[in-house]
């Protein structure tokens, strides 16, 4: 990255990806597992209601998916800006 505007564009894109990932994780862990849990009590997954499942398992699975999605997005962003390893 030769110029400062390219570096600013790179970090703005990186920050956007991070904020979107955090928002998704927040909605899945706090939103579905705590706030919306009473509304999800009628839906059953593996013998437990969906809200409990998100609080115990779903947020962890979403976090793992977000890790791999973030790595893929950052690899693409690195290639676009010429800073790949």
PDB file of N, CA and C in Angstrom:
ATOM      1  N   UNK A   1       0.848  -1.166   0.000  1.00  0.00           N
ATOM      2  CA  UNK A   1       0.000   0.000   0.000  1.00  0.00           C
ATOM      3  C   UNK A   1       0.893   1.228   0.000  1.00  0.00           C
ATOM      4  N   UNK A   2       0.880   1.913  -1.087  1.00  0.00           N
ATOM      5  CA  UNK A   2       1.797   3.023  -1.272  1.00  0.00           C
ATOM      6  C   UNK A   2       1.313   4.313  -0.626  1.00  0.00           C
ATOM      7  N   UNK A   3       0.058   4.610  -0.731  1.00  0.00           N
ATOM      8  CA  UNK A   3      -0.388   5.904  -0.224  1.00  0.00           C
ATOM      9  C   UNK A   3      -1.299   5.772   0.988  1.00  0.00           C
ATOM     10  N   UNK A   4      -1.474   6.894   1.668  1.00  0.00           N
ATOM     11  CA  UNK A   4      -2.251   6.909   2.903  1.00  0.00           C
ATOM     12  C   UNK A   4      -3.739   6.662   2.672  1.00  0.00           C
ATOM     13  N   UNK A   5      -4.273   7.101   1.528  1.00  0.00           N
ATOM     14  CA  UNK A   5      -5.703   6.889   1.270  1.00  0.00           C
ATOM     15  C   UNK A   5      -6.011   5.404   1.086  1.00  0.00           C
ATOM     16  N   UNK A   6      -5.069   4.665   0.487  1.00  0.00           N
ATOM     17  CA  UNK A   6      -5.253   3.222   0.343  1.00  0.00           C
ATOM     18  C   UNK A   6      -5.221   2.533   1.707  1.00  0.00           C
ATOM     19  N   UNK A   7      -4.333   2.993   2.579  1.00  0.00           N
ATOM     20  CA  UNK A   7      -4.259   2.432   3.933  1.00  0.00           C
ATOM     21  C   UNK A   7      -5.544   2.744   4.702  1.00  0.00           C
ATOM     22  N   UNK A   8      -6.053   3.961   4.561  1.00  0.00           N
ATOM     23  CA  UNK A   8      -7.303   4.328   5.242  1.00  0.00           C
ATOM     24  C   UNK A   8      -8.482   3.517   4.717  1.00  0.00           C
ATOM     25  N   UNK A   9      -8.508   3.270   3.417  1.00  0.00           N
ATOM     26  CA  UNK A   9      -9.565   2.452   2.814  1.00  0.00           C
ATOM     27  C   UNK A   9      -9.495   1.027   3.354  1.00  0.00           C
ATOM     28  N   UNK A  10      -8.296   0.489   3.454  1.00  0.00           N
ATOM     29  CA  UNK A  10      -8.088  -0.868   3.967  1.00  0.00           C
ATOM     30  C   UNK A  10      -8.608  -0.979   5.404  1.00  0.00           C
ATOM     31  N   UNK A  11      -8.204  -0.040   6.268  1.00  0.00           N
ATOM     32  CA  UNK A  11      -8.603  -0.114   7.667  1.00  0.00           C
ATOM     33  C   UNK A  11     -10.081   0.187   7.853  1.00  0.00           C
ATOM     34  N   UNK A  12     -10.650   1.017   7.003  1.00  0.00           N
ATOM     35  CA  UNK A  12     -12.097   1.255   7.071  1.00  0.00           C
ATOM     36  C   UNK A  12     -12.863  -0.015   6.721  1.00  0.00           C
ATOM     37  N   UNK A  13     -12.400  -0.731   5.697  1.00  0.00           N
ATOM     38  CA  UNK A  13     -13.046  -1.994   5.320  1.00  0.00           C
ATOM     39  C   UNK A  13     -12.870  -3.041   6.419  1.00  0.00           C
ATOM     40  N   UNK A  14     -11.689  -3.086   7.017  1.00  0.00           N
ATOM     41  CA  UNK A  14     -11.418  -4.025   8.107  1.00  0.00           C
ATOM     42  C   UNK A  14     -12.323  -3.723   9.297  1.00  0.00           C
ATOM     43  N   UNK A  15     -12.441  -2.468   9.657  1.00  0.00           N
ATOM     44  CA  UNK A  15     -13.298  -2.074  10.777  1.00  0.00           C
ATOM     45  C   UNK A  15     -14.754  -2.409  10.497  1.00  0.00           C
ATOM     46  N   UNK A  16     -15.206  -2.206   9.259  1.00  0.00           N
ATOM     47  CA  UNK A  16     -16.588  -2.530   8.892  1.00  0.00           C
ATOM     48  C   UNK A  16     -16.848  -4.024   9.047  1.00  0.00           C
ATOM     49  N   UNK A  17     -15.908  -4.853   8.601  1.00  0.00           N
ATOM     50  CA  UNK A  17     -16.060  -6.306   8.728  1.00  0.00           C
ATOM     51  C   UNK A  17     -16.131  -6.708  10.199  1.00  0.00           C
ATOM     52  N   UNK A  18     -15.284  -6.115  11.032  1.00  0.00           N
ATOM     53  CA  UNK A  18     -15.278  -6.426  12.461  1.00  0.00           C
ATOM     54  C   UNK A  18     -16.602  -6.016  13.110  1.00  0.00           C
ATOM     55  N   UNK A  19     -17.079  -4.820  12.808  1.00  0.00           N
ATOM     56  CA  UNK A  19     -18.324  -4.345  13.412  1.00  0.00           C
ATOM     57  C   UNK A  19     -19.529  -5.180  12.983  1.00  0.00           C
ATOM     58  N   UNK A  20     -19.571  -5.586  11.731  1.00  0.00           N
ATOM     59  CA  UNK A  20     -20.655  -6.449  11.260  1.00  0.00           C
ATOM     60  C   UNK A  20     -20.594  -7.803  11.966  1.00  0.00           C
ATOM     61  N   UNK A  21     -19.397  -8.357  12.107  1.00  0.00           N
ATOM     62  CA  UNK A  21     -19.236  -9.641  12.798  1.00  0.00           C
ATOM     63  C   UNK A  21     -19.669  -9.544  14.251  1.00  0.00           C
ATOM     64  N   UNK A  22     -19.287  -8.473  14.922  1.00  0.00           N
ATOM     65  CA  UNK A  22     -19.683  -8.290  16.317  1.00  0.00           C
ATOM     66  C   UNK A  22     -21.195  -8.109  16.451  1.00  0.00           C
ATOM     67  N   UNK A  23     -21.808  -7.406  15.510  1.00  0.00           N
ATOM     68  CA  UNK A  23     -23.254  -7.227  15.550  1.00  0.00           C
ATOM     69  C   UNK A  23     -23.980  -8.559  15.372  1.00  0.00           C
ATOM     70  N   UNK A  24     -23.502  -9.380  14.448  1.00  0.00           N
ATOM     71  CA  UNK A  24     -24.115 -10.699  14.236  1.00  0.00           C
ATOM     72  C   UNK A  24     -23.980 -11.549  15.487  1.00  0.00           C
ATOM     73  N   UNK A  25     -22.787 -11.546  16.075  1.00  0.00           N
ATOM     74  CA  UNK A  25     -22.570 -12.352  17.277  1.00  0.00           C
ATOM     75  C   UNK A  25     -23.420 -11.837  18.443  1.00  0.00           C
ATOM     76  N   UNK A  26     -23.545 -10.524  18.569  1.00  0.00           N
ATOM     77  CA  UNK A  26     -24.368  -9.953  19.635  1.00  0.00           C
ATOM     78  C   UNK A  26     -25.824 -10.370  19.480  1.00  0.00           C
ATOM     79  N   UNK A  27     -26.345 -10.277  18.267  1.00  0.00           N
ATOM     80  CA  UNK A  27     -27.738 -10.644  18.027  1.00  0.00           C
ATOM     81  C   UNK A  27     -27.961 -12.116  18.348  1.00  0.00           C
ATOM     82  N   UNK A  28     -27.030 -12.979  17.938  1.00  0.00           N
ATOM     83  CA  UNK A  28     -27.207 -14.417  18.172  1.00  0.00           C
ATOM     84  C   UNK A  28     -27.019 -14.790  19.638  1.00  0.00           C
ATOM     85  N   UNK A  29     -26.059 -14.196  20.315  1.00  0.00           N
ATOM     86  CA  UNK A  29     -25.809 -14.597  21.696  1.00  0.00           C
ATOM     87  C   UNK A  29     -26.719 -13.863  22.679  1.00  0.00           C
ATOM     88  N   UNK A  30     -26.692 -12.551  22.667  1.00  0.00           N
ATOM     89  CA  UNK A  30     -27.472 -11.782  23.632  1.00  0.00           C
ATOM     90  C   UNK A  30     -28.933 -11.662  23.206  1.00  0.00           C
ATOM     91  N   UNK A  31     -29.145 -11.354  21.932  1.00  0.00           N
ATOM     92  CA  UNK A  31     -30.510 -11.150  21.457  1.00  0.00           C
ATOM     93  C   UNK A  31     -31.347 -12.418  21.492  1.00  0.00           C
ATOM     94  N   UNK A  32     -30.888 -13.461  20.800  1.00  0.00           N
ATOM     95  CA  UNK A  32     -31.673 -14.699  20.724  1.00  0.00           C
ATOM     96  C   UNK A  32     -31.565 -15.532  21.990  1.00  0.00           C
ATOM     97  N   UNK A  33     -30.431 -15.462  22.677  1.00  0.00           N
ATOM     98  CA  UNK A  33     -30.246 -16.290  23.872  1.00  0.00           C
ATOM     99  C   UNK A  33     -30.820 -15.697  25.136  1.00  0.00           C
ATOM    100  N   UNK A  34     -30.969 -14.368  25.202  1.00  0.00           N
ATOM    101  CA  UNK A  34     -31.428 -13.744  26.443  1.00  0.00           C
ATOM    102  C   UNK A  34     -32.702 -12.917  26.219  1.00  0.00           C
ATOM    103  N   UNK A  35     -32.622 -11.925  25.349  1.00  0.00           N
ATOM    104  CA  UNK A  35     -33.744 -10.997  25.187  1.00  0.00           C
ATOM    105  C   UNK A  35     -34.956 -11.673  24.549  1.00  0.00           C
ATOM    106  N   UNK A  36     -34.753 -12.405  23.461  1.00  0.00           N
ATOM    107  CA  UNK A  36     -35.873 -13.023  22.748  1.00  0.00           C
ATOM    108  C   UNK A  36     -36.148 -14.461  23.187  1.00  0.00           C
ATOM    109  N   UNK A  37     -35.503 -14.899  24.242  1.00  0.00           N
ATOM    110  CA  UNK A  37     -35.682 -16.280  24.695  1.00  0.00           C
ATOM    111  C   UNK A  37     -37.129 -16.631  24.998  1.00  0.00           C
ATOM    112  N   UNK A  38     -37.889 -15.779  25.686  1.00  0.00           N
ATOM    113  CA  UNK A  38     -39.291 -16.147  25.947  1.00  0.00           C
ATOM    114  C   UNK A  38     -40.106 -16.361  24.671  1.00  0.00           C
ATOM    115  N   UNK A  39     -39.808 -15.613  23.619  1.00  0.00           N
ATOM    116  CA  UNK A  39     -40.549 -15.778  22.366  1.00  0.00           C
ATOM    117  C   UNK A  39     -40.152 -17.058  21.632  1.00  0.00           C
ATOM    118  N   UNK A  40     -38.964 -17.585  21.913  1.00  0.00           N
ATOM    119  CA  UNK A  40     -38.470 -18.769  21.224  1.00  0.00           C
ATOM    120  C   UNK A  40     -38.718 -20.059  21.999  1.00  0.00           C
ATOM    121  N   UNK A  41     -39.441 -19.991  23.117  1.00  0.00           N
ATOM    122  CA  UNK A  41     -39.641 -21.161  23.964  1.00  0.00           C
ATOM    123  C   UNK A  41     -40.456 -22.260  23.300  1.00  0.00           C
ATOM    124  N   UNK A  42     -41.312 -21.940  22.359  1.00  0.00           N
ATOM    125  CA  UNK A  42     -42.152 -22.947  21.729  1.00  0.00           C
ATOM    126  C   UNK A  42     -41.435 -23.771  20.672  1.00  0.00           C
ATOM    127  N   UNK A  43     -40.299 -23.292  20.199  1.00  0.00           N
ATOM    128  CA  UNK A  43     -39.552 -23.998  19.150  1.00  0.00           C
ATOM    129  C   UNK A  43     -38.517 -24.892  19.827  1.00  0.00           C
ATOM    130  N   UNK A  44     -38.521 -26.171  19.474  1.00  0.00           N
ATOM    131  CA  UNK A  44     -37.642 -27.135  20.133  1.00  0.00           C
ATOM    132  C   UNK A  44     -36.548 -27.625  19.191  1.00  0.00           C
ATOM    133  N   UNK A  45     -35.320 -27.678  19.718  1.00  0.00           N
ATOM    134  CA  UNK A  45     -34.179 -28.264  18.993  1.00  0.00           C
ATOM    135  C   UNK A  45     -33.497 -29.239  19.941  1.00  0.00           C
ATOM    136  N   UNK A  46     -33.506 -30.502  19.585  1.00  0.00           N
ATOM    137  CA  UNK A  46     -32.831 -31.517  20.396  1.00  0.00           C
ATOM    138  C   UNK A  46     -33.338 -31.613  21.821  1.00  0.00           C
ATOM    139  N   UNK A  47     -34.608 -31.369  22.034  1.00  0.00           N
ATOM    140  CA  UNK A  47     -35.180 -31.495  23.366  1.00  0.00           C
ATOM    141  C   UNK A  47     -35.120 -30.221  24.191  1.00  0.00           C
ATOM    142  N   UNK A  48     -34.511 -29.178  23.699  1.00  0.00           N
ATOM    143  CA  UNK A  48     -34.441 -27.909  24.426  1.00  0.00           C
ATOM    144  C   UNK A  48     -35.076 -26.816  23.564  1.00  0.00           C
ATOM    145  N   UNK A  49     -35.564 -25.768  24.236  1.00  0.00           N
ATOM    146  CA  UNK A  49     -36.159 -24.695  23.452  1.00  0.00           C
ATOM    147  C   UNK A  49     -35.063 -23.913  22.726  1.00  0.00           C
ATOM    148  N   UNK A  50     -35.441 -23.231  21.652  1.00  0.00           N
ATOM    149  CA  UNK A  50     -34.488 -22.563  20.775  1.00  0.00           C
ATOM    150  C   UNK A  50     -33.702 -21.462  21.484  1.00  0.00           C
ATOM    151  N   UNK A  51     -34.348 -20.715  22.373  1.00  0.00           N
ATOM    152  CA  UNK A  51     -33.644 -19.676  23.126  1.00  0.00           C
ATOM    153  C   UNK A  51     -32.543 -20.252  23.993  1.00  0.00           C
ATOM    154  N   UNK A  52     -32.836 -21.345  24.696  1.00  0.00           N
ATOM    155  CA  UNK A  52     -31.819 -22.008  25.514  1.00  0.00           C
ATOM    156  C   UNK A  52     -30.701 -22.549  24.636  1.00  0.00           C
ATOM    157  N   UNK A  53     -31.063 -23.120  23.486  1.00  0.00           N
ATOM    158  CA  UNK A  53     -30.048 -23.658  22.579  1.00  0.00           C
ATOM    159  C   UNK A  53     -29.101 -22.566  22.114  1.00  0.00           C
ATOM    160  N   UNK A  54     -29.642 -21.386  21.739  1.00  0.00           N
ATOM    161  CA  UNK A  54     -28.784 -20.276  21.317  1.00  0.00           C
ATOM    162  C   UNK A  54     -27.902 -19.806  22.466  1.00  0.00           C
ATOM    163  N   UNK A  55     -28.429 -19.768  23.671  1.00  0.00           N
ATOM    164  CA  UNK A  55     -27.635 -19.324  24.816  1.00  0.00           C
ATOM    165  C   UNK A  55     -26.506 -20.301  25.117  1.00  0.00           C
ATOM    166  N   UNK A  56     -26.742 -21.598  24.941  1.00  0.00           N
ATOM    167  CA  UNK A  56     -25.741 -22.591  25.298  1.00  0.00           C
ATOM    168  C   UNK A  56     -24.850 -23.019  24.142  1.00  0.00           C
ATOM    169  N   UNK A  57     -25.406 -23.206  22.962  1.00  0.00           N
ATOM    170  CA  UNK A  57     -24.640 -23.750  21.839  1.00  0.00           C
ATOM    171  C   UNK A  57     -24.579 -22.832  20.634  1.00  0.00           C
ATOM    172  N   UNK A  58     -25.706 -22.235  20.305  1.00  0.00           N
ATOM    173  CA  UNK A  58     -25.816 -21.473  19.068  1.00  0.00           C
ATOM    174  C   UNK A  58     -24.834 -20.330  18.957  1.00  0.00           C
ATOM    175  N   UNK A  59     -24.637 -19.588  20.044  1.00  0.00           N
ATOM    176  CA  UNK A  59     -23.710 -18.457  19.977  1.00  0.00           C
ATOM    177  C   UNK A  59     -22.278 -18.931  19.758  1.00  0.00           C
ATOM    178  N   UNK A  60     -21.924 -20.093  20.281  1.00  0.00           N
ATOM    179  CA  UNK A  60     -20.586 -20.645  20.067  1.00  0.00           C
ATOM    180  C   UNK A  60     -20.419 -21.067  18.610  1.00  0.00           C
ATOM    181  N   UNK A  61     -21.430 -21.721  18.050  1.00  0.00           N
ATOM    182  CA  UNK A  61     -21.365 -22.120  16.638  1.00  0.00           C
ATOM    183  C   UNK A  61     -21.299 -20.902  15.719  1.00  0.00           C
ATOM    184  N   UNK A  62     -22.085 -19.894  16.035  1.00  0.00           N
ATOM    185  CA  UNK A  62     -22.051 -18.666  15.234  1.00  0.00           C
ATOM    186  C   UNK A  62     -20.673 -18.024  15.329  1.00  0.00           C
ATOM    187  N   UNK A  63     -20.083 -18.010  16.518  1.00  0.00           N
ATOM    188  CA  UNK A  63     -18.747 -17.450  16.699  1.00  0.00           C
ATOM    189  C   UNK A  63     -17.721 -18.203  15.851  1.00  0.00           C
ATOM    190  N   UNK A  64     -17.794 -19.520  15.824  1.00  0.00           N
ATOM    191  CA  UNK A  64     -16.853 -20.302  15.015  1.00  0.00           C
ATOM    192  C   UNK A  64     -17.031 -20.017  13.528  1.00  0.00           C
ATOM    193  N   UNK A  65     -18.268 -19.913  13.072  1.00  0.00           N
ATOM    194  CA  UNK A  65     -18.521 -19.579  11.667  1.00  0.00           C
ATOM    195  C   UNK A  65     -17.983 -18.181  11.361  1.00  0.00           C
ATOM    196  N   UNK A  66     -18.173 -17.248  12.282  1.00  0.00           N
ATOM    197  CA  UNK A  66     -17.683 -15.887  12.078  1.00  0.00           C
ATOM    198  C   UNK A  66     -16.160 -15.834  11.998  1.00  0.00           C
ATOM    199  N   UNK A  67     -15.464 -16.681  12.739  1.00  0.00           N
ATOM    200  CA  UNK A  67     -14.001 -16.724  12.666  1.00  0.00           C
ATOM    201  C   UNK A  67     -13.555 -17.089  11.253  1.00  0.00           C
ATOM    202  N   UNK A  68     -14.148 -18.138  10.699  1.00  0.00           N
ATOM    203  CA  UNK A  68     -13.756 -18.568   9.354  1.00  0.00           C
ATOM    204  C   UNK A  68     -14.203 -17.557   8.293  1.00  0.00           C
ATOM    205  N   UNK A  69     -15.373 -16.963   8.476  1.00  0.00           N
ATOM    206  CA  UNK A  69     -15.850 -15.947   7.534  1.00  0.00           C
ATOM    207  C   UNK A  69     -14.945 -14.717   7.585  1.00  0.00           C
ATOM    208  N   UNK A  70     -14.527 -14.319   8.785  1.00  0.00           N
ATOM    209  CA  UNK A  70     -13.625 -13.170   8.924  1.00  0.00           C
ATOM    210  C   UNK A  70     -12.284 -13.459   8.246  1.00  0.00           C
ATOM    211  N   UNK A  71     -11.752 -14.648   8.441  1.00  0.00           N
ATOM    212  CA  UNK A  71     -10.478 -15.012   7.809  1.00  0.00           C
ATOM    213  C   UNK A  71     -10.598 -14.976   6.285  1.00  0.00           C
ATOM    214  N   UNK A  72     -11.689 -15.498   5.755  1.00  0.00           N
ATOM    215  CA  UNK A  72     -11.889 -15.485   4.300  1.00  0.00           C
ATOM    216  C   UNK A  72     -12.033 -14.060   3.776  1.00  0.00           C
ATOM    217  N   UNK A  73     -12.831 -13.237   4.476  1.00  0.00           N
ATOM    218  CA  UNK A  73     -13.008 -11.842   4.052  1.00  0.00           C
ATOM    219  C   UNK A  73     -11.694 -11.071   4.124  1.00  0.00           C
ATOM    220  N   UNK A  74     -10.917 -11.292   5.164  1.00  0.00           N
ATOM    221  CA  UNK A  74      -9.648 -10.571   5.302  1.00  0.00           C
ATOM    222  C   UNK A  74      -8.637 -11.022   4.259  1.00  0.00           C
ATOM    223  N   UNK A  75      -8.627 -12.308   3.923  1.00  0.00           N
ATOM    224  CA  UNK A  75      -7.742 -12.769   2.850  1.00  0.00           C
ATOM    225  C   UNK A  75      -8.105 -12.092   1.532  1.00  0.00           C
ATOM    226  N   UNK A  76      -9.403 -11.967   1.259  1.00  0.00           N
ATOM    227  CA  UNK A  76      -9.849 -11.290   0.041  1.00  0.00           C
ATOM    228  C   UNK A  76      -9.464  -9.811   0.078  1.00  0.00           C
ATOM    229  N   UNK A  77      -9.676  -9.171   1.218  1.00  0.00           N
ATOM    230  CA  UNK A  77      -9.336  -7.758   1.360  1.00  0.00           C
ATOM    231  C   UNK A  77      -7.827  -7.537   1.231  1.00  0.00           C
ATOM    232  N   UNK A  78      -7.048  -8.437   1.815  1.00  0.00           N
ATOM    233  CA  UNK A  78      -5.590  -8.345   1.694  1.00  0.00           C
ATOM    234  C   UNK A  78      -5.145  -8.436   0.241  1.00  0.00           C
ATOM    235  N   UNK A  79      -5.735  -9.364  -0.506  1.00  0.00           N
ATOM    236  CA  UNK A  79      -5.389  -9.494  -1.926  1.00  0.00           C
ATOM    237  C   UNK A  79      -5.767  -8.246  -2.716  1.00  0.00           C
ATOM    238  N   UNK A  80      -6.932  -7.679  -2.406  1.00  0.00           N
ATOM    239  CA  UNK A  80      -7.378  -6.478  -3.107  1.00  0.00           C
ATOM    240  C   UNK A  80      -6.450  -5.292  -2.879  1.00  0.00           C
ATOM    241  N   UNK A  81      -5.849  -5.221  -1.684  1.00  0.00           N
ATOM    242  CA  UNK A  81      -4.983  -4.091  -1.336  1.00  0.00           C
ATOM    243  C   UNK A  81      -3.502  -4.424  -1.450  1.00  0.00           C
ATOM    244  N   UNK A  82      -3.179  -5.623  -1.892  1.00  0.00           N
ATOM    245  CA  UNK A  82      -1.793  -5.992  -2.125  1.00  0.00           C
ATOM    246  C   UNK A  82      -0.969  -6.180  -0.869  1.00  0.00           C
ATOM    247  N   UNK A  83      -1.586  -6.637   0.207  1.00  0.00           N
ATOM    248  CA  UNK A  83      -0.844  -6.857   1.462  1.00  0.00           C
ATOM    249  C   UNK A  83      -0.945  -8.313   1.922  1.00  0.00           C
ATOM    250  N   UNK A  84      -1.229  -9.237   1.000  1.00  0.00           N
ATOM    251  CA  UNK A  84      -1.357 -10.637   1.393  1.00  0.00           C
ATOM    252  C   UNK A  84       0.011 -11.177   1.811  1.00  0.00           C
ATOM    253  N   UNK A  85      -0.040 -12.241   2.596  1.00  0.00           N
ATOM    254  CA  UNK A  85       1.203 -12.848   3.093  1.00  0.00           C
ATOM    255  C   UNK A  85       1.859 -13.686   2.030  1.00  0.00           C
TER     256      UNK A  85
END
